[in-house]
Amino acid sequence: MKKILLHIIISLLFVHNAYSNDSTQVKVKHWLTPEYATIQFAGNIGFLSLGIGYQFFNNRINSEILYGFVPASISKTVNINTITFKNTFPITNKKHKTITTTLITGFTVSYETGNNSFVKLPDKYPDDYYRTNAFHSTFFIGAKAHKDFTDTILIKGIDFYSEIGSVDTYLWYAMSQKINPTKIFSLSVGVNLYF
């Protein structure tokens, strides 16, 4: 019996070593594991936003979940917290030696929490006096520069990006009330760090 047990253990160790040295073995990431982390300044989703991102369909869609914050000192009223779902689509790619530049476009959907936002119109206002202001969409266009790192273990690549965009409400007011279009756009900058 001892001899059979010894053969089984040796066989298992041999099989384990054979598979662990196999160069075709692929590590599979769990689908919930993000591909990158994002830090964004401005862009109608917060003074500063932090989040995680995923790439789908061979990097044709980048989707992010972000938490944004605007302190009362900047908003001039109260602290503003937002949760944003952001989708970015590459339009064109151009490779320059080790850096890839990409023209991008996309949209966000944000939920704002706080005393000044509401999903249902408060009773103190007449019906249809205000529209719901807790949810907003933004639309943007921009550019990003990407560099891959082959000599680091922790960070596999980095993006620097800049976007110009507007909130759905601003676009509506610009079309319906003839507001100067230059006053409805904002600029944002950000960094993506790939794992």
Protein backbone atom coordinates (compact mmCIF):
# COMPACT_ATOMS: atom_id res chain seq x y z
CA MET A 1 0.00 0.00 0.00
CA LYS A 2 2.84 2.37 0.83
CA LYS A 3 4.41 1.66 -2.55
CA ILE A 4 1.17 2.54 -4.42
CA LEU A 5 0.76 5.75 -2.41
CA LEU A 6 4.36 6.73 -3.18
CA HIS A 7 3.75 6.15 -6.95
CA ILE A 8 0.59 8.30 -6.86
CA ILE A 9 2.41 11.18 -5.11
CA ILE A 10 5.36 11.01 -7.56
CA SER A 11 2.96 10.88 -10.52
CA LEU A 12 1.02 13.91 -9.23
CA LEU A 13 4.24 15.87 -8.70
CA PHE A 14 5.39 14.98 -12.23
CA VAL A 15 2.04 16.07 -13.76
CA HIS A 16 2.09 19.30 -11.73
CA ASN A 17 5.65 20.14 -12.86
CA ALA A 18 4.83 19.32 -16.48
CA TYR A 19 1.85 21.72 -16.51
CA SER A 20 3.53 24.47 -14.52
CA ASN A 21 6.41 24.56 -17.03
CA ASP A 22 4.08 24.58 -20.05
CA SER A 23 4.63 27.89 -21.91
CA THR A 24 1.22 27.68 -23.60
CA GLN A 25 -0.66 27.76 -20.31
CA VAL A 26 -2.68 30.98 -20.05
CA LYS A 27 -3.68 32.74 -16.85
CA VAL A 28 -7.36 33.62 -16.95
CA LYS A 29 -8.46 36.71 -15.03
CA HIS A 30 -11.77 36.76 -13.23
CA TRP A 31 -14.28 38.84 -15.22
CA LEU A 32 -14.77 41.24 -12.28
CA THR A 33 -11.06 42.12 -12.12
CA PRO A 34 -10.59 45.61 -13.65
CA GLU A 35 -8.01 46.23 -16.36
CA TYR A 36 -7.10 49.72 -15.17
CA ALA A 37 -7.62 52.45 -12.58
CA THR A 38 -8.67 55.98 -13.55
CA ILE A 39 -8.02 59.41 -12.05
CA GLN A 40 -9.84 62.30 -13.75
CA PHE A 41 -9.87 66.03 -13.04
CA ALA A 42 -13.09 67.94 -14.00
CA GLY A 43 -15.37 66.94 -16.90
CA ASN A 44 -18.78 67.45 -15.25
CA ILE A 45 -18.46 64.29 -13.14
CA GLY A 46 -16.63 65.81 -10.17
CA PHE A 47 -13.75 68.11 -9.34
CA LEU A 48 -11.74 64.90 -8.88
CA SER A 49 -12.96 61.42 -9.89
CA LEU A 50 -11.48 58.00 -9.13
CA GLY A 51 -12.55 54.68 -10.55
CA ILE A 52 -11.88 51.38 -12.27
CA GLY A 53 -12.15 50.45 -15.93
CA TYR A 54 -12.80 47.51 -18.21
CA GLN A 55 -12.09 46.92 -21.91
CA PHE A 56 -14.54 45.09 -24.15
CA PHE A 57 -14.64 43.81 -27.74
CA ASN A 58 -10.88 43.93 -28.34
CA ASN A 59 -10.56 47.42 -26.77
CA ARG A 60 -13.34 48.95 -28.88
CA ILE A 61 -15.20 50.02 -25.72
CA ASN A 62 -13.72 51.21 -22.45
CA SER A 63 -16.23 51.29 -19.59
CA GLU A 64 -15.52 52.84 -16.22
CA ILE A 65 -17.25 53.23 -12.88
CA LEU A 66 -16.15 56.45 -11.17
CA TYR A 67 -16.77 58.23 -7.90
CA GLY A 68 -16.55 62.02 -8.22
CA PHE A 69 -16.32 64.66 -5.54
CA VAL A 70 -16.73 68.44 -5.53
CA PRO A 71 -16.00 70.12 -2.19
CA ALA A 72 -18.34 72.86 -0.92
CA SER A 73 -15.49 75.36 -1.26
CA ILE A 74 -15.64 74.92 -5.04
CA SER A 75 -19.38 74.28 -5.54
CA LYS A 76 -20.18 77.35 -3.37
CA THR A 77 -23.05 75.43 -1.70
CA VAL A 78 -22.55 71.86 -0.41
CA ASN A 79 -20.27 68.90 -1.06
CA ILE A 80 -21.33 67.10 -4.25
CA ASN A 81 -20.86 63.35 -4.71
CA THR A 82 -21.43 61.59 -8.02
CA ILE A 83 -21.38 58.01 -9.23
CA THR A 84 -20.65 57.85 -12.96
CA PHE A 85 -20.77 55.14 -15.60
CA LYS A 86 -18.48 56.25 -18.46
CA ASN A 87 -18.12 54.71 -21.93
CA THR A 88 -15.27 55.67 -24.28
CA PHE A 89 -14.94 54.63 -27.93
CA PRO A 90 -11.75 54.94 -30.01
CA ILE A 91 -12.22 56.60 -33.40
CA THR A 92 -8.70 56.39 -34.86
CA ASN A 93 -5.33 55.05 -33.66
CA LYS A 94 -1.89 56.18 -34.74
CA LYS A 95 1.38 54.61 -33.55
CA HIS A 96 4.46 56.80 -33.01
CA LYS A 97 7.39 54.59 -31.98
CA THR A 98 6.40 53.45 -28.45
CA ILE A 99 3.36 55.72 -28.01
CA THR A 100 -0.10 55.21 -29.52
CA THR A 101 -2.35 58.26 -29.89
CA THR A 102 -6.10 57.80 -30.19
CA LEU A 103 -8.97 60.12 -31.02
CA ILE A 104 -11.84 59.21 -28.67
CA THR A 105 -15.50 59.99 -28.10
CA GLY A 106 -18.04 58.85 -25.57
CA PHE A 107 -20.73 59.54 -23.03
CA THR A 108 -21.38 59.27 -19.31
CA VAL A 109 -24.41 58.72 -17.12
CA SER A 110 -24.08 60.20 -13.61
CA TYR A 111 -26.11 60.03 -10.45
CA GLU A 112 -25.59 62.95 -8.07
CA THR A 113 -26.36 62.66 -4.37
CA GLY A 114 -26.90 65.60 -2.08
CA ASN A 115 -29.37 68.17 -0.82
CA ASN A 116 -29.63 70.02 -4.13
CA SER A 117 -30.47 67.01 -6.30
CA PHE A 118 -33.65 65.00 -6.52
CA VAL A 119 -35.09 62.05 -8.44
CA LYS A 120 -38.70 63.02 -7.67
CA LEU A 121 -39.74 66.67 -7.66
CA PRO A 122 -40.18 67.87 -4.03
CA ASP A 123 -43.74 68.76 -2.99
CA LYS A 124 -42.83 72.41 -2.44
CA TYR A 125 -42.56 72.91 -6.24
CA PRO A 126 -45.53 72.92 -8.63
CA ASP A 127 -45.76 70.01 -11.08
CA ASP A 128 -43.35 70.33 -14.04
CA TYR A 129 -41.65 73.35 -12.40
CA TYR A 130 -38.24 71.62 -12.50
CA ARG A 131 -37.09 68.48 -14.15
CA THR A 132 -35.24 65.73 -12.29
CA ASN A 133 -31.66 66.79 -11.67
CA ALA A 134 -30.13 63.75 -9.93
CA PHE A 135 -29.28 62.04 -13.24
CA HIS A 136 -27.19 63.64 -15.98
CA SER A 137 -25.49 62.58 -19.18
CA THR A 138 -22.40 64.11 -20.68
CA PHE A 139 -21.06 63.78 -24.19
CA PHE A 140 -17.39 64.29 -25.01
CA ILE A 141 -14.64 64.08 -27.61
CA GLY A 142 -10.93 64.01 -26.92
CA ALA A 143 -7.56 62.39 -27.40
CA LYS A 144 -5.35 60.04 -25.43
CA ALA A 145 -1.73 58.90 -25.58
CA HIS A 146 -0.91 55.34 -24.49
CA LYS A 147 2.42 53.74 -23.61
CA ASP A 148 2.99 50.08 -22.71
CA PHE A 149 5.60 49.06 -20.13
CA THR A 150 7.33 45.70 -20.57
CA ASP A 151 9.87 45.97 -17.75
CA THR A 152 7.49 46.47 -14.79
CA ILE A 153 5.38 43.95 -12.93
CA LEU A 154 2.79 46.23 -11.34
CA ILE A 155 1.91 48.75 -14.08
CA LYS A 156 1.59 47.36 -17.63
CA GLY A 157 0.73 50.65 -19.34
CA ILE A 158 -0.46 54.22 -18.95
CA ASP A 159 -2.84 56.60 -20.75
CA PHE A 160 -2.88 60.38 -20.54
CA TYR A 161 -6.08 61.86 -21.93
CA SER A 162 -7.94 65.11 -22.38
CA GLU A 163 -11.61 65.57 -23.27
CA ILE A 164 -13.97 68.42 -24.02
CA GLY A 165 -17.65 67.84 -23.35
CA SER A 166 -20.98 69.12 -22.16
CA VAL A 167 -23.86 68.07 -19.92
CA ASP A 168 -27.23 67.21 -21.51
CA THR A 169 -28.94 70.10 -19.66
CA TYR A 170 -26.42 72.64 -20.98
CA LEU A 171 -26.93 71.37 -24.53
CA TRP A 172 -30.71 71.68 -24.12
CA TYR A 173 -30.45 75.27 -22.85
CA ALA A 174 -28.02 76.18 -25.61
CA MET A 175 -30.48 74.98 -28.27
CA SER A 176 -33.68 76.28 -26.68
CA GLN A 177 -32.52 79.61 -25.23
CA LYS A 178 -29.75 80.66 -27.61
CA ILE A 179 -26.96 80.54 -25.01
CA ASN A 180 -23.43 81.11 -26.29
CA PRO A 181 -22.10 77.57 -27.10
CA THR A 182 -18.65 78.40 -25.72
CA LYS A 183 -20.15 78.65 -22.22
CA ILE A 184 -21.53 75.11 -22.11
CA PHE A 185 -18.32 73.10 -22.64
CA SER A 186 -15.77 71.98 -20.08
CA LEU A 187 -12.30 70.46 -20.30
CA SER A 188 -11.11 67.40 -18.40
CA VAL A 189 -7.77 65.62 -18.07
CA GLY A 190 -7.05 62.18 -16.73
CA VAL A 191 -4.75 59.19 -16.33
CA ASN A 192 -5.44 55.47 -16.74
CA LEU A 193 -3.04 53.02 -15.07
CA TYR A 194 -3.19 49.48 -16.52
CA PHE A 195 -2.58 46.43 -14.33
